């Protein structure tokens, strides 16, 4: 391999680096943070016509404590695949991976909640095989008493926070704020919150 070939490789690499959609996350195959940031710049000024959803695999850590890590990658990949395929019919829908258990969807507002509800239904059905019959029947992964209070941790599901209108929050803080809202939803049994002026309702 000579200088000319190496130079050509670098030129091609730089072309690809300019387009973050060409560099998917290894585990999920979805675009990663760089693509999310680029897409957010396009969508944020058009909130209302478009929506942004922060999606999290909820109750995954209690699942891992009880069942171990054998199906961890499977659960993540199924979540990614279901989110991607539920949005695939919509040509303007974007699905990216933010972190191991968190995803971002950007889509026309009229389709967003429908995509999310469909994805969650399919996801819940698919992961039934990862539980014991007893846990499925009880709809609980773990149960324990804390300071005399009974605590029951439910099954894995997708939870999401949606920004579907212009908000009084900076673009640079939106994703972080949505992540905090998702964190607050863990264990509440809720699966959807709509953001209003930087907070969810």
N, C-alpha and C. Protein backbone atom coordinates (compact mmCIF):
# COMPACT_ATOMS: atom_id res chain seq x y z
N UNK A 1 0.86 -1.19 0.00
CA UNK A 1 0.00 0.00 0.00
C UNK A 1 0.89 1.23 0.00
N UNK A 2 0.69 2.12 -0.99
CA UNK A 2 1.51 3.30 -1.09
C UNK A 2 0.81 4.54 -0.56
N UNK A 3 1.48 5.68 -0.68
CA UNK A 3 0.96 6.96 -0.21
C UNK A 3 -0.35 7.31 -0.92
N UNK A 4 -0.43 7.05 -2.21
CA UNK A 4 -1.62 7.41 -2.98
C UNK A 4 -2.85 6.65 -2.46
N UNK A 5 -2.66 5.34 -2.18
CA UNK A 5 -3.78 4.54 -1.67
C UNK A 5 -4.19 5.00 -0.27
N UNK A 6 -3.19 5.29 0.56
CA UNK A 6 -3.48 5.76 1.92
C UNK A 6 -4.21 7.11 1.88
N UNK A 7 -3.77 7.99 0.97
CA UNK A 7 -4.42 9.29 0.84
C UNK A 7 -5.87 9.13 0.40
N UNK A 8 -6.09 8.22 -0.54
CA UNK A 8 -7.46 7.97 -1.01
C UNK A 8 -8.33 7.45 0.13
N UNK A 9 -7.75 6.56 0.95
CA UNK A 9 -8.49 6.03 2.10
C UNK A 9 -8.90 7.17 3.04
N UNK A 10 -7.97 8.06 3.34
CA UNK A 10 -8.25 9.18 4.25
C UNK A 10 -9.32 10.09 3.66
N UNK A 11 -9.26 10.34 2.36
CA UNK A 11 -10.29 11.18 1.71
C UNK A 11 -11.67 10.55 1.84
N UNK A 12 -11.76 9.23 1.59
CA UNK A 12 -13.03 8.52 1.72
C UNK A 12 -13.50 8.51 3.18
N UNK A 13 -12.57 8.32 4.10
CA UNK A 13 -12.91 8.33 5.52
C UNK A 13 -13.50 9.67 5.92
N UNK A 14 -12.88 10.75 5.47
CA UNK A 14 -13.37 12.09 5.85
C UNK A 14 -14.75 12.37 5.26
N UNK A 15 -15.00 11.86 4.06
CA UNK A 15 -16.34 11.99 3.48
C UNK A 15 -17.37 11.28 4.35
N UNK A 16 -17.02 10.07 4.78
CA UNK A 16 -17.94 9.31 5.62
C UNK A 16 -18.10 9.97 6.99
N UNK A 17 -17.03 10.54 7.52
CA UNK A 17 -17.10 11.19 8.84
C UNK A 17 -17.99 12.42 8.83
N UNK A 18 -18.17 13.03 7.66
CA UNK A 18 -19.05 14.19 7.57
C UNK A 18 -20.52 13.79 7.70
N UNK A 19 -20.82 12.52 7.51
CA UNK A 19 -22.20 12.05 7.60
C UNK A 19 -22.32 11.06 8.75
N UNK A 20 -22.76 11.52 9.95
CA UNK A 20 -22.82 10.63 11.11
C UNK A 20 -23.84 9.50 10.96
N UNK A 21 -24.75 9.62 10.00
CA UNK A 21 -25.72 8.55 9.80
C UNK A 21 -25.07 7.28 9.26
N UNK A 22 -23.83 7.39 8.76
CA UNK A 22 -23.13 6.23 8.22
C UNK A 22 -22.35 5.46 9.29
N UNK A 23 -22.36 5.93 10.53
CA UNK A 23 -21.56 5.32 11.58
C UNK A 23 -22.47 4.81 12.70
N UNK A 24 -23.09 3.66 12.51
CA UNK A 24 -24.04 3.18 13.52
C UNK A 24 -23.36 2.64 14.77
N UNK A 25 -24.16 2.57 15.83
CA UNK A 25 -23.77 1.94 17.08
C UNK A 25 -23.57 0.45 16.85
N UNK A 26 -22.51 -0.12 17.39
CA UNK A 26 -22.18 -1.52 17.13
C UNK A 26 -23.26 -2.47 17.63
N UNK A 27 -23.76 -2.26 18.85
CA UNK A 27 -24.71 -3.20 19.45
C UNK A 27 -26.06 -3.17 18.76
N UNK A 28 -26.56 -1.97 18.42
CA UNK A 28 -27.92 -1.85 17.91
C UNK A 28 -28.00 -1.64 16.40
N UNK A 29 -26.93 -1.16 15.80
CA UNK A 29 -26.97 -0.83 14.38
C UNK A 29 -27.65 0.49 14.09
N UNK A 30 -28.07 1.20 15.14
CA UNK A 30 -28.74 2.50 14.97
C UNK A 30 -27.72 3.63 14.95
N UNK A 31 -28.07 4.76 14.36
CA UNK A 31 -27.20 5.94 14.45
C UNK A 31 -26.98 6.29 15.93
N UNK A 32 -25.82 6.87 16.23
CA UNK A 32 -25.51 7.17 17.63
C UNK A 32 -25.60 8.66 17.92
N UNK A 33 -24.92 9.11 18.98
CA UNK A 33 -25.07 10.48 19.48
C UNK A 33 -24.78 11.55 18.43
N UNK A 34 -23.75 11.34 17.62
CA UNK A 34 -23.41 12.36 16.62
C UNK A 34 -24.57 12.58 15.65
N UNK A 35 -25.22 11.51 15.23
CA UNK A 35 -26.36 11.62 14.33
C UNK A 35 -27.56 12.25 15.04
N UNK A 36 -27.74 11.91 16.32
CA UNK A 36 -28.85 12.49 17.10
C UNK A 36 -28.68 14.00 17.18
N UNK A 37 -27.47 14.46 17.46
CA UNK A 37 -27.21 15.90 17.56
C UNK A 37 -27.49 16.59 16.24
N UNK A 38 -27.05 15.98 15.16
CA UNK A 38 -27.29 16.57 13.83
C UNK A 38 -28.78 16.64 13.52
N UNK A 39 -29.49 15.56 13.79
CA UNK A 39 -30.94 15.52 13.51
C UNK A 39 -31.69 16.48 14.43
N UNK A 40 -31.27 16.59 15.67
CA UNK A 40 -31.90 17.51 16.62
C UNK A 40 -31.83 18.95 16.11
N UNK A 41 -30.71 19.31 15.52
CA UNK A 41 -30.56 20.67 14.97
C UNK A 41 -31.60 20.95 13.88
N UNK A 42 -31.96 19.92 13.11
CA UNK A 42 -32.98 20.07 12.07
C UNK A 42 -34.39 20.12 12.64
N UNK A 43 -34.66 19.29 13.64
CA UNK A 43 -36.02 19.09 14.13
C UNK A 43 -36.43 20.12 15.20
N UNK A 44 -35.52 20.50 16.07
CA UNK A 44 -35.87 21.36 17.21
C UNK A 44 -36.60 22.65 16.79
N UNK A 45 -36.14 23.36 15.75
CA UNK A 45 -36.87 24.58 15.36
C UNK A 45 -38.27 24.29 14.80
N UNK A 46 -38.56 23.03 14.52
CA UNK A 46 -39.85 22.66 13.92
C UNK A 46 -40.72 21.84 14.88
N UNK A 47 -40.40 21.95 16.20
CA UNK A 47 -41.24 21.26 17.18
C UNK A 47 -42.69 21.73 17.02
N UNK A 48 -43.58 20.81 17.05
CA UNK A 48 -44.99 21.08 16.76
C UNK A 48 -45.36 20.25 15.55
N UNK A 49 -44.74 20.54 14.44
CA UNK A 49 -44.90 19.67 13.26
C UNK A 49 -44.19 18.34 13.51
N UNK A 50 -43.03 18.44 14.17
CA UNK A 50 -42.25 17.25 14.53
C UNK A 50 -42.22 17.09 16.05
N UNK A 51 -42.01 15.87 16.48
CA UNK A 51 -41.87 15.56 17.90
C UNK A 51 -40.56 14.83 18.13
N UNK A 52 -40.09 14.93 19.36
CA UNK A 52 -38.90 14.22 19.80
C UNK A 52 -39.31 13.34 20.98
N UNK A 53 -38.94 12.07 20.94
CA UNK A 53 -39.24 11.17 22.05
C UNK A 53 -37.94 10.61 22.62
N UNK A 54 -37.85 10.63 23.92
CA UNK A 54 -36.75 9.99 24.65
C UNK A 54 -37.33 8.66 25.16
N UNK A 55 -36.76 7.55 24.74
CA UNK A 55 -37.29 6.23 25.08
C UNK A 55 -36.27 5.47 25.92
N UNK A 56 -36.75 4.85 26.99
CA UNK A 56 -35.86 4.10 27.87
C UNK A 56 -36.41 2.69 28.09
N UNK A 57 -35.50 1.71 28.18
CA UNK A 57 -35.89 0.37 28.61
C UNK A 57 -35.97 0.42 30.13
N UNK A 58 -37.18 0.40 30.64
CA UNK A 58 -37.42 0.55 32.08
C UNK A 58 -37.33 -0.80 32.79
N UNK A 59 -36.87 -0.77 34.03
CA UNK A 59 -36.76 -1.95 34.91
C UNK A 59 -35.74 -2.97 34.41
N UNK A 60 -34.80 -2.54 33.61
CA UNK A 60 -33.78 -3.47 33.10
C UNK A 60 -32.79 -3.87 34.20
N UNK A 61 -32.43 -2.94 35.09
CA UNK A 61 -31.45 -3.26 36.13
C UNK A 61 -31.97 -4.28 37.14
N UNK A 62 -33.22 -4.16 37.62
CA UNK A 62 -33.74 -5.23 38.48
C UNK A 62 -33.80 -6.58 37.75
N UNK A 63 -34.12 -6.54 36.47
CA UNK A 63 -34.13 -7.78 35.68
C UNK A 63 -32.75 -8.43 35.70
N UNK A 64 -31.71 -7.62 35.46
CA UNK A 64 -30.34 -8.14 35.41
C UNK A 64 -29.91 -8.68 36.78
N UNK A 65 -30.35 -8.03 37.86
CA UNK A 65 -30.03 -8.52 39.21
C UNK A 65 -30.61 -9.91 39.43
N UNK A 66 -31.83 -10.11 38.96
CA UNK A 66 -32.50 -11.39 39.19
C UNK A 66 -32.10 -12.47 38.20
N UNK A 67 -32.04 -12.13 36.94
CA UNK A 67 -31.84 -13.14 35.90
C UNK A 67 -30.41 -13.22 35.37
N UNK A 68 -29.60 -12.22 35.68
CA UNK A 68 -28.23 -12.21 35.16
C UNK A 68 -28.17 -11.59 33.77
N UNK A 69 -26.95 -11.49 33.21
CA UNK A 69 -26.74 -10.74 31.96
C UNK A 69 -26.91 -11.53 30.67
N UNK A 70 -27.29 -12.81 30.74
CA UNK A 70 -27.32 -13.64 29.53
C UNK A 70 -28.16 -13.07 28.39
N UNK A 71 -29.27 -12.41 28.71
CA UNK A 71 -30.16 -11.89 27.67
C UNK A 71 -30.08 -10.37 27.54
N UNK A 72 -29.09 -9.76 28.20
CA UNK A 72 -29.00 -8.30 28.21
C UNK A 72 -28.90 -7.73 26.78
N UNK A 73 -27.95 -8.24 26.00
CA UNK A 73 -27.78 -7.74 24.62
C UNK A 73 -29.02 -8.03 23.79
N UNK A 74 -29.65 -9.19 24.00
CA UNK A 74 -30.87 -9.53 23.26
C UNK A 74 -31.97 -8.50 23.51
N UNK A 75 -32.15 -8.13 24.77
CA UNK A 75 -33.21 -7.18 25.13
C UNK A 75 -32.95 -5.83 24.45
N UNK A 76 -31.70 -5.37 24.51
CA UNK A 76 -31.34 -4.10 23.89
C UNK A 76 -31.56 -4.15 22.38
N UNK A 77 -31.11 -5.24 21.75
CA UNK A 77 -31.25 -5.36 20.30
C UNK A 77 -32.71 -5.48 19.88
N UNK A 78 -33.52 -6.20 20.66
CA UNK A 78 -34.95 -6.28 20.33
C UNK A 78 -35.62 -4.91 20.48
N UNK A 79 -35.26 -4.17 21.52
CA UNK A 79 -35.83 -2.82 21.69
C UNK A 79 -35.47 -1.96 20.48
N UNK A 80 -34.20 -1.97 20.09
CA UNK A 80 -33.75 -1.18 18.95
C UNK A 80 -34.45 -1.60 17.67
N UNK A 81 -34.53 -2.90 17.44
CA UNK A 81 -35.16 -3.42 16.22
C UNK A 81 -36.64 -3.07 16.16
N UNK A 82 -37.32 -3.19 17.28
CA UNK A 82 -38.76 -2.90 17.32
C UNK A 82 -39.02 -1.41 17.13
N UNK A 83 -38.21 -0.57 17.79
CA UNK A 83 -38.37 0.88 17.59
C UNK A 83 -38.12 1.25 16.13
N UNK A 84 -37.06 0.69 15.56
CA UNK A 84 -36.70 1.01 14.18
C UNK A 84 -37.77 0.54 13.19
N UNK A 85 -38.24 -0.69 13.35
CA UNK A 85 -39.21 -1.23 12.39
C UNK A 85 -40.60 -0.62 12.58
N UNK A 86 -40.94 -0.21 13.80
CA UNK A 86 -42.25 0.43 13.99
C UNK A 86 -42.28 1.81 13.33
N UNK A 87 -41.11 2.41 13.18
CA UNK A 87 -41.01 3.73 12.55
C UNK A 87 -40.65 3.64 11.06
N UNK A 88 -40.33 2.47 10.59
CA UNK A 88 -39.82 2.32 9.22
C UNK A 88 -40.82 2.71 8.15
N UNK A 89 -42.10 2.60 8.46
CA UNK A 89 -43.13 2.95 7.47
C UNK A 89 -43.24 4.46 7.26
N UNK A 90 -42.63 5.22 8.15
CA UNK A 90 -42.69 6.69 8.09
C UNK A 90 -41.35 7.20 7.56
N UNK A 91 -41.29 7.73 6.35
CA UNK A 91 -40.00 8.09 5.75
C UNK A 91 -39.27 9.21 6.49
N UNK A 92 -39.97 10.00 7.29
CA UNK A 92 -39.32 11.11 7.99
C UNK A 92 -38.97 10.77 9.44
N UNK A 93 -39.15 9.51 9.81
CA UNK A 93 -38.91 9.09 11.19
C UNK A 93 -37.43 8.70 11.37
N UNK A 94 -36.85 9.17 12.46
CA UNK A 94 -35.44 8.89 12.81
C UNK A 94 -35.41 8.17 14.14
N UNK A 95 -34.61 7.12 14.22
CA UNK A 95 -34.40 6.40 15.48
C UNK A 95 -32.90 6.29 15.71
N UNK A 96 -32.44 6.73 16.88
CA UNK A 96 -31.02 6.65 17.22
C UNK A 96 -30.83 6.14 18.63
N UNK A 97 -29.63 5.68 18.93
CA UNK A 97 -29.32 5.20 20.28
C UNK A 97 -28.48 6.23 21.01
N UNK A 98 -28.95 6.58 22.20
CA UNK A 98 -28.27 7.60 23.00
C UNK A 98 -27.28 6.96 23.97
N UNK A 99 -27.69 5.86 24.58
CA UNK A 99 -26.83 5.10 25.48
C UNK A 99 -27.34 3.65 25.49
N UNK A 100 -26.83 2.84 26.35
CA UNK A 100 -27.14 1.42 26.32
C UNK A 100 -28.63 1.12 26.35
N UNK A 101 -29.37 1.84 27.20
CA UNK A 101 -30.80 1.55 27.36
C UNK A 101 -31.70 2.70 26.91
N UNK A 102 -31.13 3.72 26.31
CA UNK A 102 -31.90 4.92 25.96
C UNK A 102 -31.81 5.20 24.46
N UNK A 103 -32.95 5.59 23.90
CA UNK A 103 -33.06 5.84 22.47
C UNK A 103 -33.75 7.18 22.23
N UNK A 104 -33.53 7.75 21.06
CA UNK A 104 -34.21 8.98 20.65
C UNK A 104 -34.94 8.71 19.34
N UNK A 105 -36.21 9.15 19.29
CA UNK A 105 -36.99 9.07 18.06
C UNK A 105 -37.40 10.49 17.69
N UNK A 106 -37.29 10.84 16.43
CA UNK A 106 -37.78 12.12 15.92
C UNK A 106 -38.66 11.82 14.72
N UNK A 107 -39.87 12.35 14.78
CA UNK A 107 -40.87 11.97 13.79
C UNK A 107 -41.93 13.06 13.70
N UNK A 108 -42.73 13.02 12.64
CA UNK A 108 -43.85 13.95 12.56
C UNK A 108 -44.79 13.71 13.75
N UNK A 109 -45.27 14.77 14.34
CA UNK A 109 -46.07 14.69 15.56
C UNK A 109 -47.29 13.80 15.40
N UNK A 110 -47.93 13.85 14.26
CA UNK A 110 -49.16 13.08 14.08
C UNK A 110 -48.93 11.57 14.18
N UNK A 111 -47.68 11.11 13.97
CA UNK A 111 -47.38 9.68 13.99
C UNK A 111 -46.69 9.20 15.26
N UNK A 112 -46.16 10.12 16.06
CA UNK A 112 -45.26 9.73 17.15
C UNK A 112 -45.90 8.80 18.18
N UNK A 113 -47.00 9.19 18.79
CA UNK A 113 -47.58 8.38 19.87
C UNK A 113 -48.02 7.02 19.34
N UNK A 114 -48.52 6.99 18.11
CA UNK A 114 -48.91 5.72 17.49
C UNK A 114 -47.70 4.79 17.37
N UNK A 115 -46.57 5.31 16.90
CA UNK A 115 -45.35 4.51 16.79
C UNK A 115 -44.91 3.98 18.15
N UNK A 116 -44.95 4.85 19.16
CA UNK A 116 -44.50 4.45 20.49
C UNK A 116 -45.39 3.38 21.11
N UNK A 117 -46.70 3.54 20.98
CA UNK A 117 -47.64 2.56 21.54
C UNK A 117 -47.47 1.21 20.86
N UNK A 118 -47.32 1.23 19.54
CA UNK A 118 -47.13 -0.02 18.80
C UNK A 118 -45.83 -0.70 19.21
N UNK A 119 -44.76 0.09 19.32
CA UNK A 119 -43.46 -0.47 19.70
C UNK A 119 -43.51 -1.09 21.09
N UNK A 120 -44.13 -0.41 22.03
CA UNK A 120 -44.18 -0.93 23.40
C UNK A 120 -44.98 -2.23 23.47
N UNK A 121 -46.07 -2.28 22.73
CA UNK A 121 -46.90 -3.50 22.71
C UNK A 121 -46.10 -4.70 22.16
N UNK A 122 -45.42 -4.49 21.06
CA UNK A 122 -44.63 -5.56 20.44
C UNK A 122 -43.46 -5.95 21.35
N UNK A 123 -42.81 -4.95 21.95
CA UNK A 123 -41.67 -5.20 22.84
C UNK A 123 -42.09 -6.05 24.05
N UNK A 124 -43.18 -5.66 24.69
CA UNK A 124 -43.66 -6.42 25.85
C UNK A 124 -43.94 -7.87 25.48
N UNK A 125 -44.56 -8.07 24.34
CA UNK A 125 -44.88 -9.43 23.87
C UNK A 125 -43.60 -10.23 23.62
N UNK A 126 -42.62 -9.60 22.98
CA UNK A 126 -41.39 -10.31 22.61
C UNK A 126 -40.59 -10.75 23.84
N UNK A 127 -40.52 -9.92 24.87
CA UNK A 127 -39.65 -10.27 26.00
C UNK A 127 -40.32 -11.17 27.03
N UNK A 128 -41.56 -11.56 26.79
CA UNK A 128 -42.21 -12.49 27.71
C UNK A 128 -41.38 -13.76 27.89
N UNK A 129 -40.70 -14.17 26.84
CA UNK A 129 -39.92 -15.41 26.90
C UNK A 129 -38.69 -15.30 27.81
N UNK A 130 -38.35 -14.09 28.25
CA UNK A 130 -37.19 -13.89 29.11
C UNK A 130 -37.52 -14.00 30.60
N UNK A 131 -38.79 -14.27 30.95
CA UNK A 131 -39.23 -14.35 32.34
C UNK A 131 -39.67 -15.76 32.71
N UNK A 132 -39.75 -16.02 34.01
CA UNK A 132 -40.39 -17.23 34.48
C UNK A 132 -41.91 -17.05 34.37
N UNK A 133 -42.64 -18.15 34.36
CA UNK A 133 -44.10 -18.08 34.31
C UNK A 133 -44.65 -17.36 35.54
N UNK A 134 -44.01 -17.58 36.67
CA UNK A 134 -44.46 -16.94 37.92
C UNK A 134 -44.33 -15.42 37.84
N UNK A 135 -43.19 -14.94 37.35
CA UNK A 135 -43.01 -13.48 37.23
C UNK A 135 -44.00 -12.89 36.23
N UNK A 136 -44.26 -13.59 35.14
CA UNK A 136 -45.24 -13.11 34.16
C UNK A 136 -46.63 -13.03 34.79
N UNK A 137 -46.97 -14.06 35.54
CA UNK A 137 -48.29 -14.09 36.18
C UNK A 137 -48.43 -12.94 37.18
N UNK A 138 -47.37 -12.72 37.98
CA UNK A 138 -47.41 -11.67 39.01
C UNK A 138 -47.11 -10.27 38.46
N UNK A 139 -46.61 -10.22 37.21
CA UNK A 139 -46.20 -8.96 36.59
C UNK A 139 -45.19 -8.21 37.45
N UNK A 140 -44.31 -8.98 38.06
CA UNK A 140 -43.32 -8.42 38.99
C UNK A 140 -41.99 -9.15 38.83
N UNK A 141 -40.88 -8.39 38.80
CA UNK A 141 -39.56 -8.99 38.75
C UNK A 141 -39.04 -9.26 40.16
N UNK A 142 -39.15 -8.24 41.02
CA UNK A 142 -38.66 -8.35 42.41
C UNK A 142 -39.70 -7.77 43.36
N UNK A 143 -39.78 -8.37 44.55
CA UNK A 143 -40.64 -7.85 45.62
C UNK A 143 -39.84 -7.89 46.91
N UNK A 144 -39.96 -6.82 47.70
CA UNK A 144 -39.27 -6.79 48.99
C UNK A 144 -39.93 -5.75 49.88
N UNK A 145 -39.58 -5.77 51.17
CA UNK A 145 -40.08 -4.79 52.13
C UNK A 145 -38.98 -3.79 52.43
N UNK A 146 -39.35 -2.52 52.40
CA UNK A 146 -38.41 -1.45 52.74
C UNK A 146 -39.07 -0.57 53.79
N UNK A 147 -38.51 -0.60 55.01
CA UNK A 147 -39.04 0.19 56.13
C UNK A 147 -40.52 -0.09 56.33
N UNK A 148 -40.87 -1.37 56.28
CA UNK A 148 -42.24 -1.78 56.51
C UNK A 148 -43.18 -1.60 55.33
N UNK A 149 -42.67 -1.11 54.23
CA UNK A 149 -43.49 -0.89 53.04
C UNK A 149 -43.15 -1.93 51.98
N UNK A 150 -44.18 -2.51 51.38
CA UNK A 150 -43.98 -3.50 50.33
C UNK A 150 -43.63 -2.80 49.02
N UNK A 151 -42.54 -3.26 48.39
CA UNK A 151 -42.09 -2.69 47.11
C UNK A 151 -42.13 -3.79 46.05
N UNK A 152 -42.82 -3.53 44.95
CA UNK A 152 -42.91 -4.47 43.84
C UNK A 152 -42.37 -3.80 42.58
N UNK A 153 -41.38 -4.42 41.96
CA UNK A 153 -40.79 -3.87 40.74
C UNK A 153 -41.34 -4.65 39.56
N UNK A 154 -41.95 -3.93 38.64
CA UNK A 154 -42.63 -4.53 37.51
C UNK A 154 -41.71 -5.04 36.42
N UNK A 155 -42.33 -5.55 35.38
CA UNK A 155 -41.61 -6.11 34.25
C UNK A 155 -40.98 -5.02 33.39
N UNK A 156 -40.06 -5.42 32.55
CA UNK A 156 -39.41 -4.49 31.63
C UNK A 156 -40.45 -3.95 30.65
N UNK A 157 -40.35 -2.66 30.37
CA UNK A 157 -41.19 -2.05 29.34
C UNK A 157 -40.44 -0.84 28.77
N UNK A 158 -40.97 -0.29 27.70
CA UNK A 158 -40.43 0.96 27.16
C UNK A 158 -41.22 2.11 27.78
N UNK A 159 -40.49 3.10 28.28
CA UNK A 159 -41.14 4.33 28.76
C UNK A 159 -40.61 5.47 27.92
N UNK A 160 -41.41 6.55 27.79
CA UNK A 160 -40.99 7.62 26.90
C UNK A 160 -41.54 8.97 27.33
N UNK A 161 -40.71 9.97 27.07
CA UNK A 161 -41.07 11.37 27.26
C UNK A 161 -41.08 12.00 25.87
N UNK A 162 -42.14 12.74 25.56
CA UNK A 162 -42.30 13.31 24.23
C UNK A 162 -42.37 14.83 24.30
N UNK A 163 -41.58 15.49 23.46
CA UNK A 163 -41.67 16.93 23.25
C UNK A 163 -42.35 17.12 21.90
N UNK A 164 -43.58 17.63 21.93
CA UNK A 164 -44.35 17.71 20.68
C UNK A 164 -44.83 19.12 20.35
N UNK A 165 -44.20 20.12 21.01
CA UNK A 165 -44.56 21.53 20.77
C UNK A 165 -43.36 22.40 21.11
N UNK A 166 -43.34 23.63 20.64
CA UNK A 166 -42.24 24.52 21.03
C UNK A 166 -42.20 24.69 22.55
N UNK A 167 -41.00 24.65 23.10
CA UNK A 167 -40.84 24.71 24.56
C UNK A 167 -39.87 25.82 24.94
N UNK A 168 -40.01 26.31 26.17
CA UNK A 168 -39.07 27.30 26.68
C UNK A 168 -37.90 26.58 27.34
N UNK A 169 -37.17 25.88 26.53
CA UNK A 169 -35.98 25.18 26.99
C UNK A 169 -34.97 25.22 25.85
N UNK A 170 -33.71 25.36 26.20
CA UNK A 170 -32.67 25.42 25.18
C UNK A 170 -32.50 24.06 24.52
N UNK A 171 -32.21 24.10 23.24
CA UNK A 171 -31.97 22.86 22.49
C UNK A 171 -30.89 22.02 23.16
N UNK A 172 -29.86 22.65 23.67
CA UNK A 172 -28.73 21.93 24.28
C UNK A 172 -29.12 21.23 25.58
N UNK A 173 -30.24 21.60 26.17
CA UNK A 173 -30.66 21.00 27.44
C UNK A 173 -31.84 20.05 27.30
N UNK A 174 -32.45 20.02 26.12
CA UNK A 174 -33.68 19.25 25.95
C UNK A 174 -33.49 17.76 26.23
N UNK A 175 -32.51 17.14 25.60
CA UNK A 175 -32.32 15.70 25.74
C UNK A 175 -32.03 15.34 27.20
N UNK A 176 -31.18 16.14 27.85
CA UNK A 176 -30.86 15.89 29.26
C UNK A 176 -32.11 15.99 30.13
N UNK A 177 -32.94 16.99 29.89
CA UNK A 177 -34.18 17.17 30.65
C UNK A 177 -35.13 16.00 30.43
N UNK A 178 -35.22 15.54 29.19
CA UNK A 178 -36.09 14.41 28.89
C UNK A 178 -35.58 13.14 29.59
N UNK A 179 -34.27 12.97 29.64
CA UNK A 179 -33.69 11.83 30.34
C UNK A 179 -34.02 11.84 31.82
N UNK A 180 -33.97 13.01 32.44
CA UNK A 180 -34.33 13.13 33.87
C UNK A 180 -35.79 12.77 34.09
N UNK A 181 -36.64 13.19 33.16
CA UNK A 181 -38.06 12.83 33.27
C UNK A 181 -38.27 11.32 33.15
N UNK A 182 -37.55 10.69 32.24
CA UNK A 182 -37.64 9.23 32.10
C UNK A 182 -37.19 8.55 33.39
N UNK A 183 -36.11 9.06 33.97
CA UNK A 183 -35.60 8.51 35.22
C UNK A 183 -36.65 8.62 36.32
N UNK A 184 -37.35 9.75 36.38
CA UNK A 184 -38.39 9.95 37.39
C UNK A 184 -39.58 9.02 37.18
N UNK A 185 -39.81 8.60 35.94
CA UNK A 185 -40.92 7.70 35.64
C UNK A 185 -40.67 6.26 36.05
N UNK A 186 -39.39 5.88 36.18
CA UNK A 186 -39.06 4.49 36.51
C UNK A 186 -39.80 4.07 37.79
N UNK A 187 -40.49 2.96 37.71
CA UNK A 187 -41.16 2.42 38.88
C UNK A 187 -42.53 3.01 39.15
N UNK A 188 -42.98 3.98 38.36
CA UNK A 188 -44.28 4.60 38.61
C UNK A 188 -45.42 3.86 37.90
N UNK A 189 -45.08 3.03 36.91
CA UNK A 189 -46.10 2.37 36.11
C UNK A 189 -46.52 3.17 34.89
N UNK A 190 -46.10 4.44 34.83
CA UNK A 190 -46.38 5.28 33.65
C UNK A 190 -45.51 4.82 32.49
N UNK A 191 -46.02 5.00 31.28
CA UNK A 191 -45.15 4.74 30.14
C UNK A 191 -45.00 5.96 29.23
N UNK A 192 -45.81 7.01 29.41
CA UNK A 192 -45.74 8.19 28.55
C UNK A 192 -45.93 9.47 29.33
N UNK A 193 -45.06 10.43 29.06
CA UNK A 193 -45.22 11.80 29.56
C UNK A 193 -45.00 12.76 28.39
N UNK A 194 -45.79 13.80 28.37
CA UNK A 194 -45.64 14.86 27.36
C UNK A 194 -45.01 16.06 28.03
N UNK A 195 -43.95 16.61 27.44
CA UNK A 195 -43.28 17.78 28.01
C UNK A 195 -44.07 19.05 27.73
N UNK A 196 -44.11 19.92 28.73
CA UNK A 196 -44.70 21.25 28.56
C UNK A 196 -43.75 22.26 29.19
N UNK A 197 -43.28 23.20 28.39
CA UNK A 197 -42.37 24.25 28.86
C UNK A 197 -41.19 23.71 29.69
N UNK A 198 -40.58 22.66 29.17
CA UNK A 198 -39.38 22.13 29.80
C UNK A 198 -39.64 21.12 30.89
N UNK A 199 -40.89 20.84 31.21
CA UNK A 199 -41.21 19.82 32.21
C UNK A 199 -42.25 18.89 31.61
N UNK A 200 -42.35 17.70 32.14
CA UNK A 200 -43.33 16.77 31.60
C UNK A 200 -44.63 16.87 32.36
N UNK A 201 -45.73 16.51 31.67
CA UNK A 201 -47.05 16.58 32.29
C UNK A 201 -47.73 15.22 32.20
